[in-house]
Amino acid sequence: MKPEAIKTAFEELAEKLGYTVRYEKGDFRGGACRVDRDRQIIINSAAPLNHQNYAFARVFAEMNPDLIEQHFLLPELRKMLDDIRTENQRREAMENHALD
């Protein structure tokens, strides 16, 4: 699947979940925030397209999976989210092990 199509699918998912997507230039990775009552996903417009897609995937992977699963996800998006969740769990397990 082309990166442009993945980006469009992430934008559509954001809209379904009630998020406004903003593209800004700057020295940041991107992520989700709330401004007053407006939930926003901020994406670095200067970043390469695959980095923008990864920023979207990180945001959605950190959300409650039940909320995401209520919506159809293309297999490519589902795999990206699953990969990030797996990596986050692995990292958390390593950090917990280091604290023991």
PDB file of N, CA and C in Angstrom:
ATOM      1  N   MET A   1       0.846  -1.175   0.000  1.00  0.00           N
ATOM      2  CA  MET A   1       0.000   0.000   0.000  1.00  0.00           C
ATOM      3  C   MET A   1       0.896   1.244   0.000  1.00  0.00           C
ATOM      4  N   LYS A   2       0.537   2.216  -0.774  1.00  0.00           N
ATOM      5  CA  LYS A   2       1.339   3.423  -0.906  1.00  0.00           C
ATOM      6  C   LYS A   2       1.237   4.278   0.362  1.00  0.00           C
ATOM      7  N   PRO A   3       2.338   4.947   0.733  1.00  0.00           N
ATOM      8  CA  PRO A   3       2.337   5.784   1.934  1.00  0.00           C
ATOM      9  C   PRO A   3       1.246   6.856   1.928  1.00  0.00           C
ATOM     10  N   GLU A   4       0.925   7.399   0.757  1.00  0.00           N
ATOM     11  CA  GLU A   4      -0.127   8.416   0.672  1.00  0.00           C
ATOM     12  C   GLU A   4      -1.479   7.846   1.081  1.00  0.00           C
ATOM     13  N   ALA A   5      -1.752   6.604   0.670  1.00  0.00           N
ATOM     14  CA  ALA A   5      -3.022   5.957   1.021  1.00  0.00           C
ATOM     15  C   ALA A   5      -3.076   5.651   2.516  1.00  0.00           C
ATOM     16  N   ILE A   6      -1.949   5.265   3.092  1.00  0.00           N
ATOM     17  CA  ILE A   6      -1.893   5.015   4.542  1.00  0.00           C
ATOM     18  C   ILE A   6      -2.176   6.314   5.293  1.00  0.00           C
ATOM     19  N   LYS A   7      -1.562   7.396   4.860  1.00  0.00           N
ATOM     20  CA  LYS A   7      -1.780   8.699   5.495  1.00  0.00           C
ATOM     21  C   LYS A   7      -3.251   9.098   5.428  1.00  0.00           C
ATOM     22  N   THR A   8      -3.858   8.920   4.267  1.00  0.00           N
ATOM     23  CA  THR A   8      -5.279   9.249   4.108  1.00  0.00           C
ATOM     24  C   THR A   8      -6.139   8.405   5.033  1.00  0.00           C
ATOM     25  N   ALA A   9      -5.816   7.119   5.155  1.00  0.00           N
ATOM     26  CA  ALA A   9      -6.590   6.238   6.042  1.00  0.00           C
ATOM     27  C   ALA A   9      -6.440   6.671   7.492  1.00  0.00           C
ATOM     28  N   PHE A  10      -5.239   7.080   7.893  1.00  0.00           N
ATOM     29  CA  PHE A  10      -5.045   7.576   9.262  1.00  0.00           C
ATOM     30  C   PHE A  10      -5.815   8.874   9.483  1.00  0.00           C
ATOM     31  N   GLU A  11      -5.828   9.760   8.495  1.00  0.00           N
ATOM     32  CA  GLU A  11      -6.587  11.011   8.612  1.00  0.00           C
ATOM     33  C   GLU A  11      -8.079  10.717   8.777  1.00  0.00           C
ATOM     34  N   GLU A  12      -8.581   9.743   8.019  1.00  0.00           N
ATOM     35  CA  GLU A  12      -9.997   9.373   8.120  1.00  0.00           C
ATOM     36  C   GLU A  12     -10.311   8.771   9.486  1.00  0.00           C
ATOM     37  N   LEU A  13      -9.408   7.946  10.013  1.00  0.00           N
ATOM     38  CA  LEU A  13      -9.605   7.372  11.341  1.00  0.00           C
ATOM     39  C   LEU A  13      -9.617   8.476  12.394  1.00  0.00           C
ATOM     40  N   ALA A  14      -8.718   9.425  12.272  1.00  0.00           N
ATOM     41  CA  ALA A  14      -8.678  10.547  13.210  1.00  0.00           C
ATOM     42  C   ALA A  14     -10.013  11.283  13.214  1.00  0.00           C
ATOM     43  N   GLU A  15     -10.548  11.533  12.033  1.00  0.00           N
ATOM     44  CA  GLU A  15     -11.832  12.235  11.927  1.00  0.00           C
ATOM     45  C   GLU A  15     -12.949  11.427  12.593  1.00  0.00           C
ATOM     46  N   LYS A  16     -12.972  10.115  12.354  1.00  0.00           N
ATOM     47  CA  LYS A  16     -14.000   9.262  12.956  1.00  0.00           C
ATOM     48  C   LYS A  16     -13.923   9.270  14.480  1.00  0.00           C
ATOM     49  N   LEU A  17     -12.702   9.433  15.006  1.00  0.00           N
ATOM     50  CA  LEU A  17     -12.502   9.438  16.452  1.00  0.00           C
ATOM     51  C   LEU A  17     -12.642  10.835  17.051  1.00  0.00           C
ATOM     52  N   GLY A  18     -12.965  11.822  16.219  1.00  0.00           N
ATOM     53  CA  GLY A  18     -13.203  13.175  16.712  1.00  0.00           C
ATOM     54  C   GLY A  18     -11.957  14.027  16.873  1.00  0.00           C
ATOM     55  N   TYR A  19     -10.894  13.697  16.154  1.00  0.00           N
ATOM     56  CA  TYR A  19      -9.652  14.464  16.213  1.00  0.00           C
ATOM     57  C   TYR A  19      -9.529  15.368  15.000  1.00  0.00           C
ATOM     58  N   THR A  20      -8.990  16.537  15.221  1.00  0.00           N
ATOM     59  CA  THR A  20      -8.587  17.437  14.155  1.00  0.00           C
ATOM     60  C   THR A  20      -7.122  17.154  13.880  1.00  0.00           C
ATOM     61  N   VAL A  21      -6.750  17.040  12.611  1.00  0.00           N
ATOM     62  CA  VAL A  21      -5.353  16.810  12.247  1.00  0.00           C
ATOM     63  C   VAL A  21      -4.769  18.133  11.774  1.00  0.00           C
ATOM     64  N   ARG A  22      -3.625  18.486  12.372  1.00  0.00           N
ATOM     65  CA  ARG A  22      -2.909  19.696  11.961  1.00  0.00           C
ATOM     66  C   ARG A  22      -1.508  19.311  11.524  1.00  0.00           C
ATOM     67  N   TYR A  23      -1.052  19.941  10.456  1.00  0.00           N
ATOM     68  CA  TYR A  23       0.309  19.751   9.956  1.00  0.00           C
ATOM     69  C   TYR A  23       1.067  21.043  10.218  1.00  0.00           C
ATOM     70  N   GLU A  24       2.131  20.925  10.998  1.00  0.00           N
ATOM     71  CA  GLU A  24       2.940  22.083  11.370  1.00  0.00           C
ATOM     72  C   GLU A  24       4.411  21.763  11.126  1.00  0.00           C
ATOM     73  N   LYS A  25       5.196  22.781  10.844  1.00  0.00           N
ATOM     74  CA  LYS A  25       6.642  22.601  10.711  1.00  0.00           C
ATOM     75  C   LYS A  25       7.277  22.860  12.068  1.00  0.00           C
ATOM     76  N   GLY A  26       8.316  22.105  12.372  1.00  0.00           N
ATOM     77  CA  GLY A  26       9.020  22.327  13.624  1.00  0.00           C
ATOM     78  C   GLY A  26       9.914  21.158  13.963  1.00  0.00           C
ATOM     79  N   ASP A  27      10.513  21.249  15.125  1.00  0.00           N
ATOM     80  CA  ASP A  27      11.425  20.224  15.608  1.00  0.00           C
ATOM     81  C   ASP A  27      10.687  19.360  16.631  1.00  0.00           C
ATOM     82  N   PHE A  28       9.792  18.516  16.155  1.00  0.00           N
ATOM     83  CA  PHE A  28       9.015  17.642  17.028  1.00  0.00           C
ATOM     84  C   PHE A  28       8.616  16.397  16.260  1.00  0.00           C
ATOM     85  N   ARG A  29       8.251  15.358  17.003  1.00  0.00           N
ATOM     86  CA  ARG A  29       7.895  14.086  16.371  1.00  0.00           C
ATOM     87  C   ARG A  29       6.427  14.026  15.960  1.00  0.00           C
ATOM     88  N   GLY A  30       5.590  14.719  16.675  1.00  0.00           N
ATOM     89  CA  GLY A  30       4.158  14.656  16.417  1.00  0.00           C
ATOM     90  C   GLY A  30       3.480  13.859  17.501  1.00  0.00           C
ATOM     91  N   GLY A  31       2.190  14.108  17.678  1.00  0.00           N
ATOM     92  CA  GLY A  31       1.437  13.398  18.694  1.00  0.00           C
ATOM     93  C   GLY A  31       0.065  14.002  18.868  1.00  0.00           C
ATOM     94  N   ALA A  32      -0.613  13.560  19.912  1.00  0.00           N
ATOM     95  CA  ALA A  32      -1.977  14.020  20.185  1.00  0.00           C
ATOM     96  C   ALA A  32      -1.963  14.974  21.366  1.00  0.00           C
ATOM     97  N   CYS A  33      -2.904  15.903  21.348  1.00  0.00           N
ATOM     98  CA  CYS A  33      -3.064  16.825  22.465  1.00  0.00           C
ATOM     99  C   CYS A  33      -4.512  17.318  22.472  1.00  0.00           C
ATOM    100  N   ARG A  34      -4.821  18.044  23.516  1.00  0.00           N
ATOM    101  CA  ARG A  34      -6.153  18.636  23.632  1.00  0.00           C
ATOM    102  C   ARG A  34      -5.969  20.130  23.836  1.00  0.00           C
ATOM    103  N   VAL A  35      -6.665  20.916  23.032  1.00  0.00           N
ATOM    104  CA  VAL A  35      -6.685  22.362  23.183  1.00  0.00           C
ATOM    105  C   VAL A  35      -8.123  22.718  23.512  1.00  0.00           C
ATOM    106  N   ASP A  36      -8.331  23.115  24.768  1.00  0.00           N
ATOM    107  CA  ASP A  36      -9.674  23.294  25.300  1.00  0.00           C
ATOM    108  C   ASP A  36     -10.426  21.974  25.116  1.00  0.00           C
ATOM    109  N   ARG A  37     -11.472  21.965  24.332  1.00  0.00           N
ATOM    110  CA  ARG A  37     -12.226  20.723  24.102  1.00  0.00           C
ATOM    111  C   ARG A  37     -11.890  20.059  22.777  1.00  0.00           C
ATOM    112  N   ASP A  38     -11.023  20.688  22.012  1.00  0.00           N
ATOM    113  CA  ASP A  38     -10.666  20.185  20.687  1.00  0.00           C
ATOM    114  C   ASP A  38      -9.506  19.203  20.795  1.00  0.00           C
ATOM    115  N   ARG A  39      -9.744  17.963  20.405  1.00  0.00           N
ATOM    116  CA  ARG A  39      -8.693  16.949  20.395  1.00  0.00           C
ATOM    117  C   ARG A  39      -7.969  17.040  19.061  1.00  0.00           C
ATOM    118  N   GLN A  40      -6.640  17.130  19.130  1.00  0.00           N
ATOM    119  CA  GLN A  40      -5.855  17.340  17.922  1.00  0.00           C
ATOM    120  C   GLN A  40      -4.727  16.321  17.820  1.00  0.00           C
ATOM    121  N   ILE A  41      -4.391  16.010  16.588  1.00  0.00           N
ATOM    122  CA  ILE A  41      -3.191  15.253  16.284  1.00  0.00           C
ATOM    123  C   ILE A  41      -2.321  16.197  15.466  1.00  0.00           C
ATOM    124  N   ILE A  42      -1.116  16.440  15.974  1.00  0.00           N
ATOM    125  CA  ILE A  42      -0.204  17.356  15.311  1.00  0.00           C
ATOM    126  C   ILE A  42       0.872  16.520  14.619  1.00  0.00           C
ATOM    127  N   ILE A  43       1.035  16.730  13.330  1.00  0.00           N
ATOM    128  CA  ILE A  43       1.997  15.996  12.522  1.00  0.00           C
ATOM    129  C   ILE A  43       3.013  16.987  11.960  1.00  0.00           C
ATOM    130  N   ASN A  44       4.280  16.625  12.018  1.00  0.00           N
ATOM    131  CA  ASN A  44       5.340  17.473  11.486  1.00  0.00           C
ATOM    132  C   ASN A  44       5.302  17.420   9.953  1.00  0.00           C
ATOM    133  N   SER A  45       4.918  18.518   9.348  1.00  0.00           N
ATOM    134  CA  SER A  45       4.777  18.543   7.890  1.00  0.00           C
ATOM    135  C   SER A  45       6.127  18.485   7.178  1.00  0.00           C
ATOM    136  N   ALA A  46       7.209  18.782   7.889  1.00  0.00           N
ATOM    137  CA  ALA A  46       8.538  18.731   7.280  1.00  0.00           C
ATOM    138  C   ALA A  46       9.117  17.314   7.305  1.00  0.00           C
ATOM    139  N   ALA A  47       8.499  16.420   8.052  1.00  0.00           N
ATOM    140  CA  ALA A  47       8.995  15.047   8.163  1.00  0.00           C
ATOM    141  C   ALA A  47       8.639  14.262   6.895  1.00  0.00           C
ATOM    142  N   PRO A  48       9.459  13.260   6.559  1.00  0.00           N
ATOM    143  CA  PRO A  48       9.121  12.392   5.423  1.00  0.00           C
ATOM    144  C   PRO A  48       7.775  11.698   5.667  1.00  0.00           C
ATOM    145  N   LEU A  49       7.116  11.327   4.613  1.00  0.00           N
ATOM    146  CA  LEU A  49       5.779  10.739   4.691  1.00  0.00           C
ATOM    147  C   LEU A  49       5.750   9.495   5.579  1.00  0.00           C
ATOM    148  N   ASN A  50       6.756   8.627   5.506  1.00  0.00           N
ATOM    149  CA  ASN A  50       6.733   7.430   6.344  1.00  0.00           C
ATOM    150  C   ASN A  50       6.867   7.792   7.823  1.00  0.00           C
ATOM    151  N   HIS A  51       7.555   8.885   8.158  1.00  0.00           N
ATOM    152  CA  HIS A  51       7.645   9.348   9.546  1.00  0.00           C
ATOM    153  C   HIS A  51       6.301   9.920  10.001  1.00  0.00           C
ATOM    154  N   GLN A  52       5.620  10.613   9.097  1.00  0.00           N
ATOM    155  CA  GLN A  52       4.288  11.131   9.430  1.00  0.00           C
ATOM    156  C   GLN A  52       3.337   9.974   9.731  1.00  0.00           C
ATOM    157  N   ASN A  53       3.396   8.933   8.901  1.00  0.00           N
ATOM    158  CA  ASN A  53       2.536   7.770   9.119  1.00  0.00           C
ATOM    159  C   ASN A  53       2.867   7.088  10.439  1.00  0.00           C
ATOM    160  N   TYR A  54       4.149   7.001  10.765  1.00  0.00           N
ATOM    161  CA  TYR A  54       4.552   6.400  12.034  1.00  0.00           C
ATOM    162  C   TYR A  54       4.045   7.236  13.217  1.00  0.00           C
ATOM    163  N   ALA A  55       4.057   8.569  13.071  1.00  0.00           N
ATOM    164  CA  ALA A  55       3.531   9.436  14.129  1.00  0.00           C
ATOM    165  C   ALA A  55       2.040   9.174  14.343  1.00  0.00           C
ATOM    166  N   PHE A  56       1.288   9.048  13.251  1.00  0.00           N
ATOM    167  CA  PHE A  56      -0.129   8.685  13.375  1.00  0.00           C
ATOM    168  C   PHE A  56      -0.268   7.341  14.086  1.00  0.00           C
ATOM    169  N   ALA A  57       0.506   6.359  13.658  1.00  0.00           N
ATOM    170  CA  ALA A  57       0.409   5.015  14.230  1.00  0.00           C
ATOM    171  C   ALA A  57       0.713   5.029  15.722  1.00  0.00           C
ATOM    172  N   ARG A  58       1.727   5.795  16.138  1.00  0.00           N
ATOM    173  CA  ARG A  58       2.050   5.892  17.567  1.00  0.00           C
ATOM    174  C   ARG A  58       0.876   6.439  18.362  1.00  0.00           C
ATOM    175  N   VAL A  59       0.240   7.472  17.835  1.00  0.00           N
ATOM    176  CA  VAL A  59      -0.903   8.078  18.523  1.00  0.00           C
ATOM    177  C   VAL A  59      -2.014   7.045  18.714  1.00  0.00           C
ATOM    178  N   PHE A  60      -2.375   6.356  17.640  1.00  0.00           N
ATOM    179  CA  PHE A  60      -3.485   5.411  17.717  1.00  0.00           C
ATOM    180  C   PHE A  60      -3.120   4.166  18.523  1.00  0.00           C
ATOM    181  N   ALA A  61      -1.860   3.756  18.489  1.00  0.00           N
ATOM    182  CA  ALA A  61      -1.429   2.580  19.249  1.00  0.00           C
ATOM    183  C   ALA A  61      -1.506   2.833  20.753  1.00  0.00           C
ATOM    184  N   GLU A  62      -1.393   4.084  21.152  1.00  0.00           N
ATOM    185  CA  GLU A  62      -1.440   4.422  22.567  1.00  0.00           C
ATOM    186  C   GLU A  62      -2.862   4.625  23.079  1.00  0.00           C
ATOM    187  N   MET A  63      -3.824   4.658  22.181  1.00  0.00           N
ATOM    188  CA  MET A  63      -5.226   4.799  22.580  1.00  0.00           C
ATOM    189  C   MET A  63      -5.765   3.454  23.049  1.00  0.00           C
ATOM    190  N   ASN A  64      -6.894   3.512  23.711  1.00  0.00           N
ATOM    191  CA  ASN A  64      -7.577   2.301  24.147  1.00  0.00           C
ATOM    192  C   ASN A  64      -7.895   1.450  22.908  1.00  0.00           C
ATOM    193  N   PRO A  65      -7.390   0.212  22.863  1.00  0.00           N
ATOM    194  CA  PRO A  65      -7.632  -0.635  21.682  1.00  0.00           C
ATOM    195  C   PRO A  65      -9.116  -0.843  21.387  1.00  0.00           C
ATOM    196  N   ASP A  66      -9.949  -0.877  22.417  1.00  0.00           N
ATOM    197  CA  ASP A  66     -11.390  -1.064  22.198  1.00  0.00           C
ATOM    198  C   ASP A  66     -11.978   0.092  21.390  1.00  0.00           C
ATOM    199  N   LEU A  67     -11.475   1.291  21.626  1.00  0.00           N
ATOM    200  CA  LEU A  67     -11.952   2.460  20.885  1.00  0.00           C
ATOM    201  C   LEU A  67     -11.572   2.357  19.416  1.00  0.00           C
ATOM    202  N   ILE A  68     -10.355   1.900  19.152  1.00  0.00           N
ATOM    203  CA  ILE A  68      -9.871   1.769  17.776  1.00  0.00           C
ATOM    204  C   ILE A  68     -10.584   0.627  17.060  1.00  0.00           C
ATOM    205  N   GLU A  69     -10.806  -0.468  17.756  1.00  0.00           N
ATOM    206  CA  GLU A  69     -11.391  -1.657  17.132  1.00  0.00           C
ATOM    207  C   GLU A  69     -12.846  -1.454  16.708  1.00  0.00           C
ATOM    208  N   GLN A  70     -13.466  -0.386  17.151  1.00  0.00           N
ATOM    209  CA  GLN A  70     -14.839  -0.096  16.726  1.00  0.00           C
ATOM    210  C   GLN A  70     -14.892   0.353  15.270  1.00  0.00           C
ATOM    211  N   HIS A  71     -13.733   0.629  14.695  1.00  0.00           N
ATOM    212  CA  HIS A  71     -13.652   1.140  13.338  1.00  0.00           C
ATOM    213  C   HIS A  71     -12.869   0.175  12.463  1.00  0.00           C
ATOM    214  N   PHE A  72     -13.257   0.117  11.206  1.00  0.00           N
ATOM    215  CA  PHE A  72     -12.541  -0.734  10.261  1.00  0.00           C
ATOM    216  C   PHE A  72     -11.130  -0.188  10.073  1.00  0.00           C
ATOM    217  N   LEU A  73     -10.150  -1.076  10.153  1.00  0.00           N
ATOM    218  CA  LEU A  73      -8.764  -0.699   9.894  1.00  0.00           C
ATOM    219  C   LEU A  73      -8.229  -1.528   8.740  1.00  0.00           C
ATOM    220  N   LEU A  74      -7.586  -0.876   7.814  1.00  0.00           N
ATOM    221  CA  LEU A  74      -6.909  -1.609   6.749  1.00  0.00           C
ATOM    222  C   LEU A  74      -5.838  -2.491   7.381  1.00  0.00           C
ATOM    223  N   PRO A  75      -5.570  -3.642   6.792  1.00  0.00           N
ATOM    224  CA  PRO A  75      -4.569  -4.545   7.373  1.00  0.00           C
ATOM    225  C   PRO A  75      -3.210  -3.877   7.609  1.00  0.00           C
ATOM    226  N   GLU A  76      -2.800  -2.992   6.717  1.00  0.00           N
ATOM    227  CA  GLU A  76      -1.516  -2.307   6.885  1.00  0.00           C
ATOM    228  C   GLU A  76      -1.515  -1.444   8.142  1.00  0.00           C
ATOM    229  N   LEU A  77      -2.616  -0.731   8.389  1.00  0.00           N
ATOM    230  CA  LEU A  77      -2.718   0.104   9.584  1.00  0.00           C
ATOM    231  C   LEU A  77      -2.743  -0.767  10.834  1.00  0.00           C
ATOM    232  N   ARG A  78      -3.524  -1.838  10.792  1.00  0.00           N
ATOM    233  CA  ARG A  78      -3.614  -2.745  11.939  1.00  0.00           C
ATOM    234  C   ARG A  78      -2.235  -3.303  12.290  1.00  0.00           C
ATOM    235  N   LYS A  79      -1.458  -3.681  11.276  1.00  0.00           N
ATOM    236  CA  LYS A  79      -0.124  -4.224  11.523  1.00  0.00           C
ATOM    237  C   LYS A  79       0.781  -3.178  12.156  1.00  0.00           C
ATOM    238  N   MET A  80       0.723  -1.942  11.658  1.00  0.00           N
ATOM    239  CA  MET A  80       1.539  -0.875  12.240  1.00  0.00           C
ATOM    240  C   MET A  80       1.201  -0.681  13.716  1.00  0.00           C
ATOM    241  N   LEU A  81      -0.083  -0.644  14.034  1.00  0.00           N
ATOM    242  CA  LEU A  81      -0.497  -0.449  15.431  1.00  0.00           C
ATOM    243  C   LEU A  81      -0.065  -1.628  16.289  1.00  0.00           C
ATOM    244  N   ASP A  82      -0.258  -2.839  15.785  1.00  0.00           N
ATOM    245  CA  ASP A  82       0.146  -4.029  16.536  1.00  0.00           C
ATOM    246  C   ASP A  82       1.648  -4.053  16.778  1.00  0.00           C
ATOM    247  N   ASP A  83       2.431  -3.698  15.767  1.00  0.00           N
ATOM    248  CA  ASP A  83       3.893  -3.675  15.917  1.00  0.00           C
ATOM    249  C   ASP A  83       4.319  -2.674  16.985  1.00  0.00           C
ATOM    250  N   ILE A  84       3.712  -1.501  16.991  1.00  0.00           N
ATOM    251  CA  ILE A  84       4.063  -0.479  17.983  1.00  0.00           C
ATOM    252  C   ILE A  84       3.643  -0.928  19.378  1.00  0.00           C
ATOM    253  N   ARG A  85       2.450  -1.498  19.501  1.00  0.00           N
ATOM    254  CA  ARG A  85       2.002  -1.992  20.816  1.00  0.00           C
ATOM    255  C   ARG A  85       2.934  -3.073  21.345  1.00  0.00           C
ATOM    256  N   THR A  86       3.342  -3.981  20.467  1.00  0.00           N
ATOM    257  CA  THR A  86       4.269  -5.046  20.865  1.00  0.00           C
ATOM    258  C   THR A  86       5.592  -4.457  21.328  1.00  0.00           C
ATOM    259  N   GLU A  87       6.111  -3.498  20.593  1.00  0.00           N
ATOM    260  CA  GLU A  87       7.375  -2.849  20.972  1.00  0.00           C
ATOM    261  C   GLU A  87       7.222  -2.110  22.305  1.00  0.00           C
ATOM    262  N   ASN A  88       6.105  -1.428  22.502  1.00  0.00           N
ATOM    263  CA  ASN A  88       5.866  -0.723  23.767  1.00  0.00           C
ATOM    264  C   ASN A  88       5.813  -1.704  24.935  1.00  0.00           C
ATOM    265  N   GLN A  89       5.148  -2.840  24.737  1.00  0.00           N
ATOM    266  CA  GLN A  89       5.073  -3.854  25.795  1.00  0.00           C
ATOM    267  C   GLN A  89       6.449  -4.432  26.096  1.00  0.00           C
ATOM    268  N   ARG A  90       7.232  -4.682  25.061  1.00  0.00           N
ATOM    269  CA  ARG A  90       8.583  -5.215  25.246  1.00  0.00           C
ATOM    270  C   ARG A  90       9.443  -4.224  26.021  1.00  0.00           C
ATOM    271  N   ARG A  91       9.358  -2.955  25.638  1.00  0.00           N
ATOM    272  CA  ARG A  91      10.136  -1.911  26.304  1.00  0.00           C
ATOM    273  C   ARG A  91       9.724  -1.782  27.772  1.00  0.00           C
ATOM    274  N   GLU A  92       8.420  -1.814  28.019  1.00  0.00           N
ATOM    275  CA  GLU A  92       7.915  -1.712  29.393  1.00  0.00           C
ATOM    276  C   GLU A  92       8.381  -2.903  30.231  1.00  0.00           C
ATOM    277  N   ALA A  93       8.350  -4.098  29.660  1.00  0.00           N
ATOM    278  CA  ALA A  93       8.802  -5.288  30.381  1.00  0.00           C
ATOM    279  C   ALA A  93      10.283  -5.182  30.717  1.00  0.00           C
ATOM    280  N   MET A  94      11.076  -4.672  29.790  1.00  0.00           N
ATOM    281  CA  MET A  94      12.506  -4.509  30.044  1.00  0.00           C
ATOM    282  C   MET A  94      12.757  -3.479  31.142  1.00  0.00           C
ATOM    283  N   GLU A  95      11.992  -2.382  31.123  1.00  0.00           N
ATOM    284  CA  GLU A  95      12.143  -1.352  32.157  1.00  0.00           C
ATOM    285  C   GLU A  95      11.742  -1.908  33.520  1.00  0.00           C
ATOM    286  N   ASN A  96      10.660  -2.671  33.570  1.00  0.00           N
ATOM    287  CA  ASN A  96      10.224  -3.264  34.841  1.00  0.00           C
ATOM    288  C   ASN A  96      11.242  -4.268  35.358  1.00  0.00           C
ATOM    289  N   HIS A  97      11.815  -5.025  34.442  1.00  0.00           N
ATOM    290  CA  HIS A  97      12.831  -6.014  34.821  1.00  0.00           C
ATOM    291  C   HIS A  97      14.068  -5.311  35.376  1.00  0.00           C
ATOM    292  N   ALA A  98      14.427  -4.192  34.789  1.00  0.00           N
ATOM    293  CA  ALA A  98      15.606  -3.443  35.248  1.00  0.00           C
ATOM    294  C   ALA A  98      15.387  -2.872  36.642  1.00  0.00           C
ATOM    295  N   LEU A  99      14.134  -2.583  36.988  1.00  0.00           N
ATOM    296  CA  LEU A  99      13.814  -2.034  38.304  1.00  0.00           C
ATOM    297  C   LEU A  99      13.787  -3.105  39.390  1.00  0.00           C
ATOM    298  N   ASP A 100      13.664  -4.380  38.999  1.00  0.00           N
ATOM    299  CA  ASP A 100      13.593  -5.468  39.984  1.00  0.00           C
ATOM    300  C   ASP A 100      14.921  -5.736  40.638  1.00  0.00           C
TER     301      ASP A 100
END
